[in-house]
Structures are given as structure tokens and as C-alpha cells.
Amino acid sequence: MDTATQVHNFIEELPGWQRNLAARIRELIHEADPHIREEWKWGTPVFVRNGNVCAIGAFRDHLKVNFFKGAALSDPGGLLNAGLEAKTSRAIDLADGDGIDEEKLRALVREAVTLDG
């Protein structure tokens, strides 16, 4: 199975609100950087440029967008709200009913891609 199909299947198998939000986040990541690639690692979609940029993870009560070099991001939009004690990564945790500021997310992804080299 190719990566795009794995990512599609992952999203389609999520419960309603997670499915809708994960699909939109996937779109926003690709809008932020049309050259970003999807890989399937650790049972989850990982978005890659020169290295791992971010990943989408699904948990029982939340969706997580993990930035592998998140500690180095300026995050002027204040989106990063999880993993703040980690040495290098940071994440955005989203629960049912949470929205996402799409422009701030695209800006965060662009910054993460720049850090990726």
C-alpha cells in the first residue's frame, strides 16, 4: 500500500470530529508547503521535507499535531500547547470542538520547514 493510501485510510478510520479536523490539517500542511512529502512512520502520518517536520496523531480524546523541532519555533500565534517540557518537540493538542487558526498553522508549518533546512 502506498503512503497516500495509508494516510487516507488513517484519517478515514478516525471518529467524525477527528476525521474532519485531521483531513483539514493535512490540507493546511500541504498548502503551507506544496513540496512537503508524506511518509508513514510509527503508525501515523509524518510530513517530511529534508527531515521530519510534523506528524498527526490520534488519541482517544484528542488529536495531536507534533512538531519535531517545535522547541525552536517562535510560535507567535501561540498554537503550541503540549509537550512544552520536551527538549526538542512541541505539539498542538486539539479536543472535540476546538478550532484551529488556519493561517497561524500554515505559518507554523512554514517556519518548521525552514528549520528543517
PDB file of N, CA and C in Angstrom:
ATOM      1  N   MET A   1       0.843  -1.173   0.000  1.00  0.00           N
ATOM      2  CA  MET A   1       0.000   0.000   0.000  1.00  0.00           C
ATOM      3  C   MET A   1       0.893   1.243   0.000  1.00  0.00           C
ATOM      4  N   ASP A   2       0.567   2.211  -0.845  1.00  0.00           N
ATOM      5  CA  ASP A   2       1.382   3.414  -0.909  1.00  0.00           C
ATOM      6  C   ASP A   2       1.061   4.353   0.264  1.00  0.00           C
ATOM      7  N   THR A   3       1.949   5.301   0.506  1.00  0.00           N
ATOM      8  CA  THR A   3       1.830   6.192   1.656  1.00  0.00           C
ATOM      9  C   THR A   3       0.548   7.010   1.622  1.00  0.00           C
ATOM     10  N   ALA A   4       0.213   7.573   0.471  1.00  0.00           N
ATOM     11  CA  ALA A   4      -1.001   8.393   0.377  1.00  0.00           C
ATOM     12  C   ALA A   4      -2.229   7.594   0.781  1.00  0.00           C
ATOM     13  N   THR A   5      -2.287   6.334   0.394  1.00  0.00           N
ATOM     14  CA  THR A   5      -3.410   5.482   0.756  1.00  0.00           C
ATOM     15  C   THR A   5      -3.405   5.193   2.247  1.00  0.00           C
ATOM     16  N   GLN A   6      -2.228   4.956   2.820  1.00  0.00           N
ATOM     17  CA  GLN A   6      -2.135   4.717   4.265  1.00  0.00           C
ATOM     18  C   GLN A   6      -2.627   5.934   5.050  1.00  0.00           C
ATOM     19  N   VAL A   7      -2.195   7.119   4.634  1.00  0.00           N
ATOM     20  CA  VAL A   7      -2.615   8.344   5.319  1.00  0.00           C
ATOM     21  C   VAL A   7      -4.118   8.542   5.148  1.00  0.00           C
ATOM     22  N   HIS A   8      -4.610   8.353   3.949  1.00  0.00           N
ATOM     23  CA  HIS A   8      -6.050   8.479   3.691  1.00  0.00           C
ATOM     24  C   HIS A   8      -6.839   7.512   4.583  1.00  0.00           C
ATOM     25  N   ASN A   9      -6.414   6.259   4.628  1.00  0.00           N
ATOM     26  CA  ASN A   9      -7.112   5.257   5.436  1.00  0.00           C
ATOM     27  C   ASN A   9      -7.070   5.608   6.920  1.00  0.00           C
ATOM     28  N   PHE A  10      -5.910   6.084   7.398  1.00  0.00           N
ATOM     29  CA  PHE A  10      -5.760   6.510   8.789  1.00  0.00           C
ATOM     30  C   PHE A  10      -6.816   7.569   9.124  1.00  0.00           C
ATOM     31  N   ILE A  11      -6.929   8.575   8.269  1.00  0.00           N
ATOM     32  CA  ILE A  11      -7.877   9.665   8.510  1.00  0.00           C
ATOM     33  C   ILE A  11      -9.309   9.166   8.420  1.00  0.00           C
ATOM     34  N   GLU A  12      -9.610   8.359   7.422  1.00  0.00           N
ATOM     35  CA  GLU A  12     -10.980   7.862   7.236  1.00  0.00           C
ATOM     36  C   GLU A  12     -11.455   6.992   8.395  1.00  0.00           C
ATOM     37  N   GLU A  13     -10.541   6.336   9.093  1.00  0.00           N
ATOM     38  CA  GLU A  13     -10.915   5.455  10.202  1.00  0.00           C
ATOM     39  C   GLU A  13     -11.106   6.202  11.520  1.00  0.00           C
ATOM     40  N   LEU A  14     -10.797   7.487  11.551  1.00  0.00           N
ATOM     41  CA  LEU A  14     -10.971   8.276  12.771  1.00  0.00           C
ATOM     42  C   LEU A  14     -12.448   8.575  12.994  1.00  0.00           C
ATOM     43  N   PRO A  15     -12.839   8.810  14.273  1.00  0.00           N
ATOM     44  CA  PRO A  15     -14.205   9.237  14.545  1.00  0.00           C
ATOM     45  C   PRO A  15     -14.473  10.592  13.895  1.00  0.00           C
ATOM     46  N   GLY A  16     -15.729  10.925  13.678  1.00  0.00           N
ATOM     47  CA  GLY A  16     -16.161  12.110  12.938  1.00  0.00           C
ATOM     48  C   GLY A  16     -15.375  13.387  13.134  1.00  0.00           C
ATOM     49  N   TRP A  17     -15.353  13.931  14.356  1.00  0.00           N
ATOM     50  CA  TRP A  17     -14.690  15.220  14.546  1.00  0.00           C
ATOM     51  C   TRP A  17     -13.194  15.111  14.298  1.00  0.00           C
ATOM     52  N   GLN A  18     -12.566  13.989  14.693  1.00  0.00           N
ATOM     53  CA  GLN A  18     -11.135  13.813  14.449  1.00  0.00           C
ATOM     54  C   GLN A  18     -10.855  13.654  12.960  1.00  0.00           C
ATOM     55  N   ARG A  19     -11.713  12.920  12.270  1.00  0.00           N
ATOM     56  CA  ARG A  19     -11.551  12.713  10.831  1.00  0.00           C
ATOM     57  C   ARG A  19     -11.579  14.056  10.098  1.00  0.00           C
ATOM     58  N   ASN A  20     -12.585  14.867  10.399  1.00  0.00           N
ATOM     59  CA  ASN A  20     -12.731  16.154   9.728  1.00  0.00           C
ATOM     60  C   ASN A  20     -11.543  17.077  10.023  1.00  0.00           C
ATOM     61  N   LEU A  21     -11.140  17.144  11.274  1.00  0.00           N
ATOM     62  CA  LEU A  21     -10.041  18.019  11.657  1.00  0.00           C
ATOM     63  C   LEU A  21      -8.705  17.524  11.092  1.00  0.00           C
ATOM     64  N   ALA A  22      -8.456  16.225  11.153  1.00  0.00           N
ATOM     65  CA  ALA A  22      -7.205  15.676  10.609  1.00  0.00           C
ATOM     66  C   ALA A  22      -7.120  15.903   9.098  1.00  0.00           C
ATOM     67  N   ALA A  23      -8.229  15.739   8.409  1.00  0.00           N
ATOM     68  CA  ALA A  23      -8.233  15.972   6.959  1.00  0.00           C
ATOM     69  C   ALA A  23      -7.918  17.432   6.645  1.00  0.00           C
ATOM     70  N   ARG A  24      -8.488  18.349   7.417  1.00  0.00           N
ATOM     71  CA  ARG A  24      -8.222  19.771   7.179  1.00  0.00           C
ATOM     72  C   ARG A  24      -6.781  20.115   7.533  1.00  0.00           C
ATOM     73  N   ILE A  25      -6.259  19.577   8.608  1.00  0.00           N
ATOM     74  CA  ILE A  25      -4.865  19.834   8.976  1.00  0.00           C
ATOM     75  C   ILE A  25      -3.933  19.325   7.888  1.00  0.00           C
ATOM     76  N   ARG A  26      -4.218  18.154   7.355  1.00  0.00           N
ATOM     77  CA  ARG A  26      -3.417  17.615   6.251  1.00  0.00           C
ATOM     78  C   ARG A  26      -3.407  18.596   5.081  1.00  0.00           C
ATOM     79  N   GLU A  27      -4.569  19.115   4.728  1.00  0.00           N
ATOM     80  CA  GLU A  27      -4.660  20.088   3.637  1.00  0.00           C
ATOM     81  C   GLU A  27      -3.840  21.337   3.946  1.00  0.00           C
ATOM     82  N   LEU A  28      -3.948  21.837   5.169  1.00  0.00           N
ATOM     83  CA  LEU A  28      -3.235  23.053   5.554  1.00  0.00           C
ATOM     84  C   LEU A  28      -1.720  22.862   5.503  1.00  0.00           C
ATOM     85  N   ILE A  29      -1.251  21.688   5.892  1.00  0.00           N
ATOM     86  CA  ILE A  29       0.183  21.398   5.834  1.00  0.00           C
ATOM     87  C   ILE A  29       0.661  21.455   4.390  1.00  0.00           C
ATOM     88  N   HIS A  30      -0.100  20.867   3.489  1.00  0.00           N
ATOM     89  CA  HIS A  30       0.280  20.887   2.072  1.00  0.00           C
ATOM     90  C   HIS A  30       0.139  22.285   1.462  1.00  0.00           C
ATOM     91  N   GLU A  31      -0.816  23.060   1.945  1.00  0.00           N
ATOM     92  CA  GLU A  31      -0.935  24.443   1.485  1.00  0.00           C
ATOM     93  C   GLU A  31       0.280  25.259   1.937  1.00  0.00           C
ATOM     94  N   ALA A  32       0.730  25.013   3.157  1.00  0.00           N
ATOM     95  CA  ALA A  32       1.871  25.750   3.703  1.00  0.00           C
ATOM     96  C   ALA A  32       3.138  25.464   2.916  1.00  0.00           C
ATOM     97  N   ASP A  33       3.302  24.227   2.483  1.00  0.00           N
ATOM     98  CA  ASP A  33       4.478  23.846   1.694  1.00  0.00           C
ATOM     99  C   ASP A  33       4.078  22.768   0.692  1.00  0.00           C
ATOM    100  N   PRO A  34       3.836  23.171  -0.540  1.00  0.00           N
ATOM    101  CA  PRO A  34       3.414  22.206  -1.564  1.00  0.00           C
ATOM    102  C   PRO A  34       4.455  21.121  -1.852  1.00  0.00           C
ATOM    103  N   HIS A  35       5.694  21.303  -1.397  1.00  0.00           N
ATOM    104  CA  HIS A  35       6.746  20.315  -1.651  1.00  0.00           C
ATOM    105  C   HIS A  35       6.926  19.322  -0.501  1.00  0.00           C
ATOM    106  N   ILE A  36       6.167  19.497   0.553  1.00  0.00           N
ATOM    107  CA  ILE A  36       6.278  18.580   1.687  1.00  0.00           C
ATOM    108  C   ILE A  36       5.775  17.204   1.251  1.00  0.00           C
ATOM    109  N   ARG A  37       6.407  16.165   1.774  1.00  0.00           N
ATOM    110  CA  ARG A  37       6.031  14.788   1.436  1.00  0.00           C
ATOM    111  C   ARG A  37       5.410  14.109   2.653  1.00  0.00           C
ATOM    112  N   GLU A  38       4.575  13.148   2.374  1.00  0.00           N
ATOM    113  CA  GLU A  38       4.002  12.331   3.442  1.00  0.00           C
ATOM    114  C   GLU A  38       4.745  11.012   3.515  1.00  0.00           C
ATOM    115  N   GLU A  39       5.016  10.597   4.729  1.00  0.00           N
ATOM    116  CA  GLU A  39       5.576   9.268   4.973  1.00  0.00           C
ATOM    117  C   GLU A  39       4.735   8.618   6.061  1.00  0.00           C
ATOM    118  N   TRP A  40       4.820   7.303   6.135  1.00  0.00           N
ATOM    119  CA  TRP A  40       4.092   6.542   7.141  1.00  0.00           C
ATOM    120  C   TRP A  40       5.124   5.983   8.110  1.00  0.00           C
ATOM    121  N   LYS A  41       5.176   6.557   9.318  1.00  0.00           N
ATOM    122  CA  LYS A  41       6.148   6.124  10.327  1.00  0.00           C
ATOM    123  C   LYS A  41       5.431   5.976  11.663  1.00  0.00           C
ATOM    124  N   TRP A  42       5.797   4.967  12.401  1.00  0.00           N
ATOM    125  CA  TRP A  42       5.271   4.768  13.750  1.00  0.00           C
ATOM    126  C   TRP A  42       3.747   4.673  13.772  1.00  0.00           C
ATOM    127  N   GLY A  43       3.165   4.211  12.674  1.00  0.00           N
ATOM    128  CA  GLY A  43       1.721   4.064  12.591  1.00  0.00           C
ATOM    129  C   GLY A  43       0.957   5.367  12.481  1.00  0.00           C
ATOM    130  N   THR A  44       1.635   6.392  11.961  1.00  0.00           N
ATOM    131  CA  THR A  44       0.995   7.704  11.854  1.00  0.00           C
ATOM    132  C   THR A  44       1.545   8.482  10.661  1.00  0.00           C
ATOM    133  N   PRO A  45       0.775   9.436  10.135  1.00  0.00           N
ATOM    134  CA  PRO A  45       1.287  10.259   9.040  1.00  0.00           C
ATOM    135  C   PRO A  45       2.377  11.214   9.540  1.00  0.00           C
ATOM    136  N   VAL A  46       3.481  11.246   8.826  1.00  0.00           N
ATOM    137  CA  VAL A  46       4.587  12.147   9.135  1.00  0.00           C
ATOM    138  C   VAL A  46       4.855  12.972   7.882  1.00  0.00           C
ATOM    139  N   PHE A  47       4.987  14.271   8.068  1.00  0.00           N
ATOM    140  CA  PHE A  47       5.226  15.191   6.956  1.00  0.00           C
ATOM    141  C   PHE A  47       6.696  15.553   6.959  1.00  0.00           C
ATOM    142  N   VAL A  48       7.338  15.360   5.802  1.00  0.00           N
ATOM    143  CA  VAL A  48       8.792  15.380   5.699  1.00  0.00           C
ATOM    144  C   VAL A  48       9.228  16.341   4.610  1.00  0.00           C
ATOM    145  N   ARG A  49      10.294  17.040   4.866  1.00  0.00           N
ATOM    146  CA  ARG A  49      10.969  17.834   3.829  1.00  0.00           C
ATOM    147  C   ARG A  49      12.379  17.274   3.725  1.00  0.00           C
ATOM    148  N   ASN A  50      13.354  17.866   4.392  1.00  0.00           N
ATOM    149  CA  ASN A  50      14.698  17.269   4.463  1.00  0.00           C
ATOM    150  C   ASN A  50      14.780  16.273   5.608  1.00  0.00           C
ATOM    151  N   GLY A  51      13.896  16.408   6.544  1.00  0.00           N
ATOM    152  CA  GLY A  51      13.754  15.523   7.696  1.00  0.00           C
ATOM    153  C   GLY A  51      12.309  15.592   8.159  1.00  0.00           C
ATOM    154  N   ASN A  52      12.027  15.023   9.304  1.00  0.00           N
ATOM    155  CA  ASN A  52      10.669  15.036   9.839  1.00  0.00           C
ATOM    156  C   ASN A  52      10.290  16.451  10.267  1.00  0.00           C
ATOM    157  N   VAL A  53       9.170  16.943   9.762  1.00  0.00           N
ATOM    158  CA  VAL A  53       8.695  18.285  10.100  1.00  0.00           C
ATOM    159  C   VAL A  53       7.612  18.186  11.182  1.00  0.00           C
ATOM    160  N   CYS A  54       6.546  17.448  10.886  1.00  0.00           N
ATOM    161  CA  CYS A  54       5.457  17.303  11.844  1.00  0.00           C
ATOM    162  C   CYS A  54       4.712  16.004  11.573  1.00  0.00           C
ATOM    163  N   ALA A  55       3.849  15.652  12.514  1.00  0.00           N
ATOM    164  CA  ALA A  55       3.067  14.419  12.400  1.00  0.00           C
ATOM    165  C   ALA A  55       1.687  14.670  12.982  1.00  0.00           C
ATOM    166  N   ILE A  56       0.730  13.892  12.522  1.00  0.00           N
ATOM    167  CA  ILE A  56      -0.619  13.934  13.081  1.00  0.00           C
ATOM    168  C   ILE A  56      -0.837  12.632  13.844  1.00  0.00           C
ATOM    169  N   GLY A  57      -1.229  12.761  15.094  1.00  0.00           N
ATOM    170  CA  GLY A  57      -1.520  11.595  15.912  1.00  0.00           C
ATOM    171  C   GLY A  57      -2.934  11.671  16.456  1.00  0.00           C
ATOM    172  N   ALA A  58      -3.582  10.541  16.573  1.00  0.00           N
ATOM    173  CA  ALA A  58      -4.946  10.488  17.092  1.00  0.00           C
ATOM    174  C   ALA A  58      -4.958   9.703  18.394  1.00  0.00           C
ATOM    175  N   PHE A  59      -5.622  10.266  19.383  1.00  0.00           N
ATOM    176  CA  PHE A  59      -5.751   9.649  20.690  1.00  0.00           C
ATOM    177  C   PHE A  59      -7.230   9.612  21.051  1.00  0.00           C
ATOM    178  N   ARG A  60      -7.563   8.897  22.093  1.00  0.00           N
ATOM    179  CA  ARG A  60      -8.962   8.696  22.445  1.00  0.00           C
ATOM    180  C   ARG A  60      -9.735  10.008  22.532  1.00  0.00           C
ATOM    181  N   ASP A  61      -9.160  11.021  23.178  1.00  0.00           N
ATOM    182  CA  ASP A  61      -9.905  12.249  23.418  1.00  0.00           C
ATOM    183  C   ASP A  61      -9.318  13.491  22.759  1.00  0.00           C
ATOM    184  N   HIS A  62      -8.276  13.315  21.951  1.00  0.00           N
ATOM    185  CA  HIS A  62      -7.701  14.481  21.283  1.00  0.00           C
ATOM    186  C   HIS A  62      -6.926  14.086  20.034  1.00  0.00           C
ATOM    187  N   LEU A  63      -6.661  15.104  19.229  1.00  0.00           N
ATOM    188  CA  LEU A  63      -5.827  14.980  18.041  1.00  0.00           C
ATOM    189  C   LEU A  63      -4.566  15.788  18.320  1.00  0.00           C
ATOM    190  N   LYS A  64      -3.432  15.295  17.881  1.00  0.00           N
ATOM    191  CA  LYS A  64      -2.159  15.952  18.162  1.00  0.00           C
ATOM    192  C   LYS A  64      -1.432  16.239  16.850  1.00  0.00           C
ATOM    193  N   VAL A  65      -0.921  17.465  16.733  1.00  0.00           N
ATOM    194  CA  VAL A  65      -0.023  17.824  15.646  1.00  0.00           C
ATOM    195  C   VAL A  65       1.330  18.050  16.307  1.00  0.00           C
ATOM    196  N   ASN A  66       2.246  17.137  16.084  1.00  0.00           N
ATOM    197  CA  ASN A  66       3.554  17.174  16.734  1.00  0.00           C
ATOM    198  C   ASN A  66       4.596  17.770  15.792  1.00  0.00           C
ATOM    199  N   PHE A  67       5.312  18.772  16.263  1.00  0.00           N
ATOM    200  CA  PHE A  67       6.403  19.386  15.511  1.00  0.00           C
ATOM    201  C   PHE A  67       7.711  18.870  16.093  1.00  0.00           C
ATOM    202  N   PHE A  68       8.479  18.175  15.265  1.00  0.00           N
ATOM    203  CA  PHE A  68       9.683  17.506  15.741  1.00  0.00           C
ATOM    204  C   PHE A  68      10.740  18.468  16.273  1.00  0.00           C
ATOM    205  N   LYS A  69      10.825  19.675  15.719  1.00  0.00           N
ATOM    206  CA  LYS A  69      11.753  20.703  16.205  1.00  0.00           C
ATOM    207  C   LYS A  69      10.968  21.874  16.794  1.00  0.00           C
ATOM    208  N   GLY A  70       9.869  21.565  17.426  1.00  0.00           N
ATOM    209  CA  GLY A  70       8.962  22.583  17.934  1.00  0.00           C
ATOM    210  C   GLY A  70       9.547  23.510  18.968  1.00  0.00           C
ATOM    211  N   ALA A  71      10.512  23.040  19.752  1.00  0.00           N
ATOM    212  CA  ALA A  71      11.120  23.901  20.775  1.00  0.00           C
ATOM    213  C   ALA A  71      11.857  25.073  20.146  1.00  0.00           C
ATOM    214  N   ALA A  72      12.259  24.941  18.899  1.00  0.00           N
ATOM    215  CA  ALA A  72      12.981  26.011  18.208  1.00  0.00           C
ATOM    216  C   ALA A  72      12.055  26.959  17.455  1.00  0.00           C
ATOM    217  N   LEU A  73      10.761  26.664  17.424  1.00  0.00           N
ATOM    218  CA  LEU A  73       9.810  27.512  16.706  1.00  0.00           C
ATOM    219  C   LEU A  73       9.463  28.743  17.540  1.00  0.00           C
ATOM    220  N   SER A  74       9.284  29.875  16.878  1.00  0.00           N
ATOM    221  CA  SER A  74       8.928  31.099  17.606  1.00  0.00           C
ATOM    222  C   SER A  74       7.465  31.074  18.056  1.00  0.00           C
ATOM    223  N   ASP A  75       6.595  30.405  17.320  1.00  0.00           N
ATOM    224  CA  ASP A  75       5.175  30.248  17.642  1.00  0.00           C
ATOM    225  C   ASP A  75       4.509  31.570  18.033  1.00  0.00           C
ATOM    226  N   PRO A  76       4.586  32.588  17.157  1.00  0.00           N
ATOM    227  CA  PRO A  76       3.968  33.868  17.518  1.00  0.00           C
ATOM    228  C   PRO A  76       2.459  33.781  17.679  1.00  0.00           C
ATOM    229  N   GLY A  77       1.840  32.772  17.075  1.00  0.00           N
ATOM    230  CA  GLY A  77       0.397  32.608  17.196  1.00  0.00           C
ATOM    231  C   GLY A  77      -0.030  31.878  18.450  1.00  0.00           C
ATOM    232  N   GLY A  78       0.920  31.361  19.220  1.00  0.00           N
ATOM    233  CA  GLY A  78       0.612  30.676  20.461  1.00  0.00           C
ATOM    234  C   GLY A  78      -0.167  29.391  20.291  1.00  0.00           C
ATOM    235  N   LEU A  79       0.074  28.671  19.200  1.00  0.00           N
ATOM    236  CA  LEU A  79      -0.660  27.427  18.953  1.00  0.00           C
ATOM    237  C   LEU A  79      -0.118  26.244  19.750  1.00  0.00           C
ATOM    238  N   LEU A  80       1.179  26.220  19.992  1.00  0.00           N
ATOM    239  CA  LEU A  80       1.792  25.075  20.674  1.00  0.00           C
ATOM    240  C   LEU A  80       1.337  25.048  22.133  1.00  0.00           C
ATOM    241  N   ASN A  81       0.675  23.962  22.514  1.00  0.00           N
ATOM    242  CA  ASN A  81       0.107  23.886  23.859  1.00  0.00           C
ATOM    243  C   ASN A  81       0.400  22.564  24.566  1.00  0.00           C
ATOM    244  N   ALA A  82       1.255  21.734  23.983  1.00  0.00           N
ATOM    245  CA  ALA A  82       1.533  20.424  24.586  1.00  0.00           C
ATOM    246  C   ALA A  82       3.003  20.058  24.396  1.00  0.00           C
ATOM    247  N   GLY A  83       3.500  19.233  25.292  1.00  0.00           N
ATOM    248  CA  GLY A  83       4.885  18.801  25.218  1.00  0.00           C
ATOM    249  C   GLY A  83       5.855  19.934  25.495  1.00  0.00           C
ATOM    250  N   LEU A  84       5.410  20.931  26.230  1.00  0.00           N
ATOM    251  CA  LEU A  84       6.221  22.122  26.451  1.00  0.00           C
ATOM    252  C   LEU A  84       7.478  21.850  27.277  1.00  0.00           C
ATOM    253  N   GLU A  85       7.515  20.710  27.935  1.00  0.00           N
ATOM    254  CA  GLU A  85       8.687  20.356  28.741  1.00  0.00           C
ATOM    255  C   GLU A  85       9.700  19.508  27.954  1.00  0.00           C
ATOM    256  N   ALA A  86       9.341  19.099  26.756  1.00  0.00           N
ATOM    257  CA  ALA A  86      10.236  18.258  25.937  1.00  0.00           C
ATOM    258  C   ALA A  86      11.430  19.078  25.460  1.00  0.00           C
ATOM    259  N   LYS A  87      12.537  18.408  25.235  1.00  0.00           N
ATOM    260  CA  LYS A  87      13.756  19.103  24.820  1.00  0.00           C
ATOM    261  C   LYS A  87      13.662  19.675  23.417  1.00  0.00           C
ATOM    262  N   THR A  88      13.086  18.937  22.472  1.00  0.00           N
ATOM    263  CA  THR A  88      13.088  19.415  21.090  1.00  0.00           C
ATOM    264  C   THR A  88      11.700  19.540  20.480  1.00  0.00           C
ATOM    265  N   SER A  89      10.790  18.674  20.802  1.00  0.00           N
ATOM    266  CA  SER A  89       9.476  18.696  20.140  1.00  0.00           C
ATOM    267  C   SER A  89       8.472  19.536  20.922  1.00  0.00           C
ATOM    268  N   ARG A  90       7.442  19.951  20.225  1.00  0.00           N
ATOM    269  CA  ARG A  90       6.287  20.631  20.804  1.00  0.00           C
ATOM    270  C   ARG A  90       5.074  20.192  19.986  1.00  0.00           C
ATOM    271  N   ALA A  91       3.885  20.365  20.551  1.00  0.00           N
ATOM    272  CA  ALA A  91       2.695  19.890  19.858  1.00  0.00           C
ATOM    273  C   ALA A  91       1.513  20.819  20.071  1.00  0.00           C
ATOM    274  N   ILE A  92       0.521  20.612  19.225  1.00  0.00           N
ATOM    275  CA  ILE A  92      -0.785  21.239  19.377  1.00  0.00           C
ATOM    276  C   ILE A  92      -1.754  20.107  19.681  1.00  0.00           C
ATOM    277  N   ASP A  93      -2.384  20.146  20.840  1.00  0.00           N
ATOM    278  CA  ASP A  93      -3.421  19.181  21.186  1.00  0.00           C
ATOM    279  C   ASP A  93      -4.775  19.835  20.937  1.00  0.00           C
ATOM    280  N   LEU A  94      -5.641  19.118  20.243  1.00  0.00           N
ATOM    281  CA  LEU A  94      -6.966  19.614  19.894  1.00  0.00           C
ATOM    282  C   LEU A  94      -8.012  18.615  20.344  1.00  0.00           C
ATOM    283  N   ALA A  95      -9.000  19.102  21.083  1.00  0.00           N
ATOM    284  CA  ALA A  95     -10.095  18.258  21.555  1.00  0.00           C
ATOM    285  C   ALA A  95     -11.338  18.533  20.719  1.00  0.00           C
ATOM    286  N   ASP A  96     -12.346  17.717  20.909  1.00  0.00           N
ATOM    287  CA  ASP A  96     -13.616  17.879  20.205  1.00  0.00           C
ATOM    288  C   ASP A  96     -14.142  19.294  20.439  1.00  0.00           C
ATOM    289  N   GLY A  97     -14.472  19.984  19.375  1.00  0.00           N
ATOM    290  CA  GLY A  97     -14.989  21.342  19.461  1.00  0.00           C
ATOM    291  C   GLY A  97     -13.937  22.423  19.320  1.00  0.00           C
ATOM    292  N   ASP A  98     -12.651  22.042  19.433  1.00  0.00           N
ATOM    293  CA  ASP A  98     -11.586  23.030  19.247  1.00  0.00           C
ATOM    294  C   ASP A  98     -11.467  23.392  17.778  1.00  0.00           C
ATOM    295  N   GLY A  99     -11.231  24.636  17.531  1.00  0.00           N
ATOM    296  CA  GLY A  99     -10.935  25.076  16.180  1.00  0.00           C
ATOM    297  C   GLY A  99      -9.435  25.277  16.044  1.00  0.00           C
ATOM    298  N   ILE A 100      -9.016  25.561  14.834  1.00  0.00           N
ATOM    299  CA  ILE A 100      -7.596  25.837  14.589  1.00  0.00           C
ATOM    300  C   ILE A 100      -7.522  27.090  13.724  1.00  0.00           C
ATOM    301  N   ASP A 101      -6.644  27.995  14.108  1.00  0.00           N
ATOM    302  CA  ASP A 101      -6.419  29.182  13.300  1.00  0.00           C
ATOM    303  C   ASP A 101      -5.594  28.744  12.099  1.00  0.00           C
ATOM    304  N   GLU A 102      -6.232  28.682  10.946  1.00  0.00           N
ATOM    305  CA  GLU A 102      -5.603  28.098   9.767  1.00  0.00           C
ATOM    306  C   GLU A 102      -4.377  28.869   9.315  1.00  0.00           C
ATOM    307  N   GLU A 103      -4.428  30.193   9.331  1.00  0.00           N
ATOM    308  CA  GLU A 103      -3.269  30.968   8.882  1.00  0.00           C
ATOM    309  C   GLU A 103      -2.097  30.799   9.845  1.00  0.00           C
ATOM    310  N   LYS A 104      -2.380  30.749  11.134  1.00  0.00           N
ATOM    311  CA  LYS A 104      -1.302  30.555  12.118  1.00  0.00           C
ATOM    312  C   LYS A 104      -0.681  29.162  11.975  1.00  0.00           C
ATOM    313  N   LEU A 105      -1.514  28.158  11.684  1.00  0.00           N
ATOM    314  CA  LEU A 105      -0.969  26.815  11.488  1.00  0.00           C
ATOM    315  C   LEU A 105      -0.093  26.765  10.241  1.00  0.00           C
ATOM    316  N   ARG A 106      -0.553  27.366   9.146  1.00  0.00           N
ATOM    317  CA  ARG A 106       0.268  27.395   7.929  1.00  0.00           C
ATOM    318  C   ARG A 106       1.599  28.100   8.200  1.00  0.00           C
ATOM    319  N   ALA A 107       1.568  29.205   8.938  1.00  0.00           N
ATOM    320  CA  ALA A 107       2.799  29.932   9.266  1.00  0.00           C
ATOM    321  C   ALA A 107       3.725  29.075  10.119  1.00  0.00           C
ATOM    322  N   LEU A 108       3.168  28.332  11.057  1.00  0.00           N
ATOM    323  CA  LEU A 108       3.979  27.464  11.913  1.00  0.00           C
ATOM    324  C   LEU A 108       4.630  26.349  11.095  1.00  0.00           C
ATOM    325  N   VAL A 109       3.870  25.777  10.173  1.00  0.00           N
ATOM    326  CA  VAL A 109       4.421  24.734   9.306  1.00  0.00           C
ATOM    327  C   VAL A 109       5.536  25.312   8.433  1.00  0.00           C
ATOM    328  N   ARG A 110       5.324  26.492   7.873  1.00  0.00           N
ATOM    329  CA  ARG A 110       6.375  27.115   7.047  1.00  0.00           C
ATOM    330  C   ARG A 110       7.647  27.351   7.857  1.00  0.00           C
ATOM    331  N   GLU A 111       7.496  27.826   9.089  1.00  0.00           N
ATOM    332  CA  GLU A 111       8.668  28.020   9.942  1.00  0.00           C
ATOM    333  C   GLU A 111       9.354  26.694  10.247  1.00  0.00           C
ATOM    334  N   ALA A 112       8.579  25.666  10.507  1.00  0.00           N
ATOM    335  CA  ALA A 112       9.142  24.343  10.797  1.00  0.00           C
ATOM    336  C   ALA A 112       9.902  23.794   9.596  1.00  0.00           C
ATOM    337  N   VAL A 113       9.376  24.027   8.398  1.00  0.00           N
ATOM    338  CA  VAL A 113      10.065  23.588   7.178  1.00  0.00           C
ATOM    339  C   VAL A 113      11.390  24.338   7.036  1.00  0.00           C
ATOM    340  N   THR A 114      11.383  25.630   7.327  1.00  0.00           N
ATOM    341  CA  THR A 114      12.617  26.424   7.254  1.00  0.00           C
ATOM    342  C   THR A 114      13.655  25.887   8.232  1.00  0.00           C
ATOM    343  N   LEU A 115      13.230  25.533   9.431  1.00  0.00           N
ATOM    344  CA  LEU A 115      14.159  24.970  10.427  1.00  0.00           C
ATOM    345  C   LEU A 115      14.709  23.618   9.968  1.00  0.00           C
ATOM    346  N   ASP A 116      13.899  22.929   9.194  1.00  0.00           N
ATOM    347  CA  ASP A 116      14.295  21.600   8.712  1.00  0.00           C
ATOM    348  C   ASP A 116      15.464  21.683   7.713  1.00  0.00           C
ATOM    349  N   GLY A 117      15.729  22.883   7.246  1.00  0.00           N
ATOM    350  CA  GLY A 117      16.916  23.064   6.396  1.00  0.00           C
ATOM    351  C   GLY A 117      16.625  23.114   4.952  1.00  0.00           C
TER     352      GLY A 117
END
